[in-house]
Amino acid sequence: HLIRELLEVGAPLPDDVDELATLAPASCGQIPTDPADLLELGVRLKRPAEQTAMAWERALKEFSDWLGHSHLQLTTRQNAAEFRDQLLARGLKVSTIKTRLNYLAGLYSLAMEEELFTSNPFQGVGKRLKTEAESHQERKTLDVDSVEFDKLPALQQTLFLVLRYTGCRLAEAAGLELADISLEEGIIQIAPKPDRPLKTKQSRRVVPIHTK
């Protein structure tokens, strides 16, 4: 588009500019795909609930109407970003916008899996959007000195001490077994269990037993 504008005003450009100006914009696929095609693909492969299928249809129609044509294979990353931005400009809730973008990203992903598209312009477009609740959410911390320790049931007292003096996550502490604890070596092994995996690979570790 920019090259065509430069040609119109007679700007000095490279010799092959005429050839460049005839190229189609970078798109996500070459096989003609309209909203009905993509919806049919999603329904056939995913068998969603009726309400979900209707929401997909609305999202596809809204994007196609905004795009000004139904050739979804021509969607570019810029199209996806600009569509997100106009949804924000309309004052829609961020949660609503993220839902619509996720619908489109999911359907475009299906098209990639079926080799209709070669890329997914919507992948990650709504990732950095934060809902109001997320933006104002603060990490809550516990003032351990304010806990009325003596009033806790005996088992909860033990759990509280383990959490306080090991720094374990609650699920890690709850999953401890006798075999994980060595009083002789003064260590606790934090290891995954069949019914309680660890949060990350780095979560597997050895924790020294505190003197308290």
Protein backbone atom coordinates (compact mmCIF):
# COMPACT_ATOMS: atom_id res chain seq x y z
CA HIS A 1 0.00 0.00 0.00
CA LEU A 2 2.82 2.38 0.91
CA ILE A 3 4.69 1.55 -2.31
CA ARG A 4 1.59 2.34 -4.37
CA GLU A 5 1.23 5.71 -2.60
CA LEU A 6 4.87 6.55 -3.30
CA LEU A 7 4.39 5.66 -6.97
CA GLU A 8 1.40 7.98 -7.19
CA VAL A 9 3.38 10.97 -5.94
CA GLY A 10 6.35 10.19 -8.21
CA ALA A 11 8.88 9.41 -5.48
CA PRO A 12 12.26 8.03 -6.68
CA LEU A 13 12.22 4.29 -5.99
CA PRO A 14 14.23 1.15 -6.92
CA ASP A 15 13.96 -0.28 -10.44
CA ASP A 16 11.91 -3.29 -9.28
CA VAL A 17 9.29 -1.22 -7.45
CA ASP A 18 6.63 -1.91 -10.09
CA GLU A 19 7.02 -5.63 -9.44
CA LEU A 20 6.90 -5.11 -5.68
CA ALA A 21 3.73 -3.05 -5.97
CA THR A 22 1.90 -5.97 -7.57
CA LEU A 23 2.67 -8.38 -4.72
CA ALA A 24 -0.17 -9.34 -2.41
CA PRO A 25 0.23 -8.30 1.24
CA ALA A 26 1.75 -10.87 3.59
CA SER A 27 -1.13 -13.11 4.62
CA CYS A 28 -1.73 -16.21 6.70
CA GLY A 29 -2.71 -18.55 3.85
CA GLN A 30 -3.32 -19.11 0.18
CA ILE A 31 -6.46 -21.27 0.22
CA PRO A 32 -9.67 -19.16 0.00
CA THR A 33 -11.41 -19.38 3.37
CA ASP A 34 -14.45 -17.39 4.42
CA PRO A 35 -16.10 -17.18 7.88
CA ALA A 36 -18.57 -19.95 7.02
CA ASP A 37 -15.70 -22.27 6.03
CA LEU A 38 -13.80 -21.62 9.23
CA LEU A 39 -16.91 -22.00 11.38
CA GLU A 40 -17.78 -25.30 9.68
CA LEU A 41 -14.24 -26.53 10.31
CA GLY A 42 -14.39 -25.63 14.01
CA VAL A 43 -17.80 -27.21 14.55
CA ARG A 44 -16.82 -30.38 12.69
CA LEU A 45 -13.57 -30.91 14.55
CA LYS A 46 -14.38 -29.55 18.01
CA ARG A 47 -18.11 -30.31 18.31
CA PRO A 48 -18.70 -27.34 20.62
CA ALA A 49 -21.85 -26.57 22.57
CA GLU A 50 -24.45 -24.63 20.59
CA GLN A 51 -23.76 -21.42 22.52
CA THR A 52 -20.03 -21.70 21.83
CA ALA A 53 -20.63 -22.23 18.11
CA MET A 54 -22.86 -19.15 18.06
CA ALA A 55 -20.16 -17.13 19.83
CA TRP A 56 -17.60 -18.28 17.23
CA GLU A 57 -19.97 -17.24 14.45
CA ARG A 58 -20.46 -13.78 15.99
CA ALA A 59 -16.71 -13.27 16.41
CA LEU A 60 -15.99 -14.28 12.81
CA LYS A 61 -18.77 -12.04 11.45
CA GLU A 62 -17.64 -9.09 13.53
CA PHE A 63 -14.05 -9.47 12.33
CA SER A 64 -15.06 -10.02 8.71
CA ASP A 65 -17.38 -6.98 8.76
CA TRP A 66 -14.60 -4.85 10.23
CA LEU A 67 -12.12 -6.22 7.67
CA GLY A 68 -14.46 -5.27 4.84
CA HIS A 69 -14.24 -8.64 3.07
CA SER A 70 -14.63 -12.36 3.79
CA HIS A 71 -11.22 -13.58 2.56
CA LEU A 72 -9.85 -14.68 5.94
CA GLN A 73 -6.76 -16.22 4.35
CA LEU A 74 -5.57 -12.66 3.66
CA THR A 75 -5.56 -11.73 7.35
CA THR A 76 -2.28 -10.19 8.47
CA ARG A 77 -0.80 -9.66 11.91
CA GLN A 78 -1.46 -5.96 11.48
CA ASN A 79 -5.15 -6.70 10.80
CA ALA A 80 -5.37 -8.69 14.03
CA ALA A 81 -3.65 -5.98 16.08
CA GLU A 82 -5.78 -3.20 14.58
CA PHE A 83 -8.96 -5.21 15.21
CA ARG A 84 -7.93 -5.58 18.86
CA ASP A 85 -7.21 -1.86 19.10
CA GLN A 86 -10.59 -0.84 17.69
CA LEU A 87 -12.32 -3.14 20.18
CA LEU A 88 -10.43 -1.35 22.94
CA ALA A 89 -11.34 2.04 21.46
CA ARG A 90 -15.02 1.06 21.56
CA GLY A 91 -14.76 0.77 25.33
CA LEU A 92 -15.57 -2.93 25.55
CA LYS A 93 -14.54 -4.80 28.68
CA VAL A 94 -11.07 -6.27 28.41
CA SER A 95 -12.43 -9.68 29.41
CA THR A 96 -14.89 -9.51 26.49
CA ILE A 97 -12.14 -8.50 24.07
CA LYS A 98 -9.85 -11.28 25.24
CA THR A 99 -12.64 -13.81 24.80
CA ARG A 100 -13.32 -12.71 21.20
CA LEU A 101 -9.65 -12.69 20.31
CA ASN A 102 -9.21 -16.13 21.85
CA TYR A 103 -12.11 -17.45 19.76
CA LEU A 104 -10.46 -16.16 16.60
CA ALA A 105 -7.01 -17.41 17.61
CA GLY A 106 -8.43 -20.87 18.28
CA LEU A 107 -10.21 -21.06 14.94
CA TYR A 108 -7.17 -19.81 13.03
CA SER A 109 -5.10 -22.45 14.85
CA LEU A 110 -7.45 -25.14 13.59
CA ALA A 111 -7.01 -23.80 10.05
CA MET A 112 -3.25 -24.10 10.50
CA GLU A 113 -3.55 -27.70 11.70
CA GLU A 114 -5.61 -28.48 8.60
CA GLU A 115 -2.98 -26.73 6.45
CA LEU A 116 -5.42 -24.09 5.21
CA PHE A 117 -3.32 -21.35 6.83
CA THR A 118 0.42 -21.10 7.28
CA SER A 119 0.33 -18.78 10.30
CA ASN A 120 -2.00 -17.53 13.02
CA PRO A 121 -2.13 -13.69 13.07
CA PHE A 122 -4.24 -13.76 16.25
CA GLN A 123 -1.81 -15.86 18.26
CA GLY A 124 -0.88 -13.84 21.36
CA VAL A 125 -2.61 -10.65 20.19
CA GLY A 126 -4.65 -10.43 23.39
CA LYS A 127 -1.99 -11.89 25.67
CA ARG A 128 -0.84 -8.65 27.25
CA LEU A 129 -4.30 -7.25 27.86
CA LYS A 130 -5.09 -7.04 31.55
CA THR A 131 -8.58 -7.04 32.98
CA GLU A 132 -9.40 -4.49 35.64
CA ALA A 133 -9.33 -7.21 38.29
CA GLU A 134 -5.90 -8.39 37.14
CA SER A 135 -4.54 -4.84 37.01
CA HIS A 136 -5.59 -4.08 40.58
CA GLN A 137 -4.81 -7.46 42.03
CA GLU A 138 -2.20 -7.30 44.74
CA ARG A 139 -0.23 -10.21 46.12
CA LYS A 140 -1.51 -10.90 49.60
CA THR A 141 1.05 -11.69 52.29
CA LEU A 142 0.49 -13.13 55.72
CA ASP A 143 1.87 -11.46 58.82
CA VAL A 144 2.97 -14.63 60.58
CA ASP A 145 3.35 -12.85 63.90
CA SER A 146 -0.35 -11.99 63.86
CA VAL A 147 -1.43 -15.64 63.64
CA GLU A 148 -2.98 -16.86 66.90
CA PHE A 149 -0.90 -20.03 66.78
CA ASP A 150 -2.16 -21.54 70.05
CA LYS A 151 -5.76 -21.40 68.82
CA LEU A 152 -5.03 -23.52 65.73
CA PRO A 153 -5.86 -27.24 65.82
CA ALA A 154 -2.79 -29.43 66.39
CA LEU A 155 -2.48 -30.59 62.78
CA GLN A 156 -2.78 -27.04 61.51
CA GLN A 157 -0.09 -25.93 63.94
CA THR A 158 2.28 -28.51 62.47
CA LEU A 159 1.40 -27.48 58.92
CA PHE A 160 1.86 -23.82 59.77
CA LEU A 161 5.34 -24.48 61.19
CA VAL A 162 6.35 -26.50 58.14
CA LEU A 163 5.22 -23.73 55.81
CA ARG A 164 6.87 -21.00 57.87
CA TYR A 165 10.26 -22.64 58.28
CA THR A 166 10.63 -24.35 54.91
CA GLY A 167 9.10 -21.82 52.51
CA CYS A 168 7.23 -24.68 50.81
CA ARG A 169 4.06 -24.17 48.85
CA LEU A 170 0.96 -25.47 50.58
CA ALA A 171 0.57 -28.36 48.11
CA GLU A 172 4.23 -29.31 48.58
CA ALA A 173 3.88 -29.40 52.35
CA ALA A 174 0.60 -31.34 52.17
CA GLY A 175 2.26 -33.89 49.90
CA LEU A 176 5.20 -34.66 52.19
CA GLU A 177 5.69 -38.28 53.20
CA LEU A 178 7.87 -39.76 55.94
CA ALA A 179 10.32 -40.98 53.31
CA ASP A 180 10.89 -37.36 52.25
CA ILE A 181 12.17 -36.35 55.70
CA SER A 182 15.59 -37.28 57.07
CA LEU A 183 16.15 -36.18 60.66
CA GLU A 184 19.65 -37.66 60.60
CA GLU A 185 20.73 -35.52 57.63
CA GLY A 186 18.52 -32.61 58.65
CA ILE A 187 16.88 -32.27 55.25
CA ILE A 188 13.47 -32.49 53.56
CA GLN A 189 13.19 -33.69 49.96
CA ILE A 190 10.61 -31.83 47.88
CA ALA A 191 9.75 -34.27 45.09
CA PRO A 192 6.80 -34.85 42.75
CA LYS A 193 4.15 -37.42 43.69
CA PRO A 194 1.90 -39.42 41.35
CA ASP A 195 -1.15 -37.49 42.57
CA ARG A 196 0.60 -34.17 43.25
CA PRO A 197 3.13 -32.95 40.66
CA LEU A 198 5.38 -30.01 41.39
CA LYS A 199 4.68 -26.59 39.92
CA THR A 200 7.92 -26.40 37.90
CA LYS A 201 10.99 -28.56 37.24
CA GLN A 202 12.96 -26.23 39.49
CA SER A 203 10.56 -26.94 42.35
CA ARG A 204 12.32 -30.27 42.99
CA ARG A 205 14.81 -29.43 45.73
CA VAL A 206 16.28 -30.20 49.15
CA VAL A 207 15.26 -27.98 52.07
CA PRO A 208 17.21 -27.91 55.34
CA ILE A 209 15.22 -28.59 58.50
CA HIS A 210 15.08 -25.37 60.52
CA THR A 211 16.08 -25.56 64.16
CA LYS A 212 12.58 -24.46 65.16
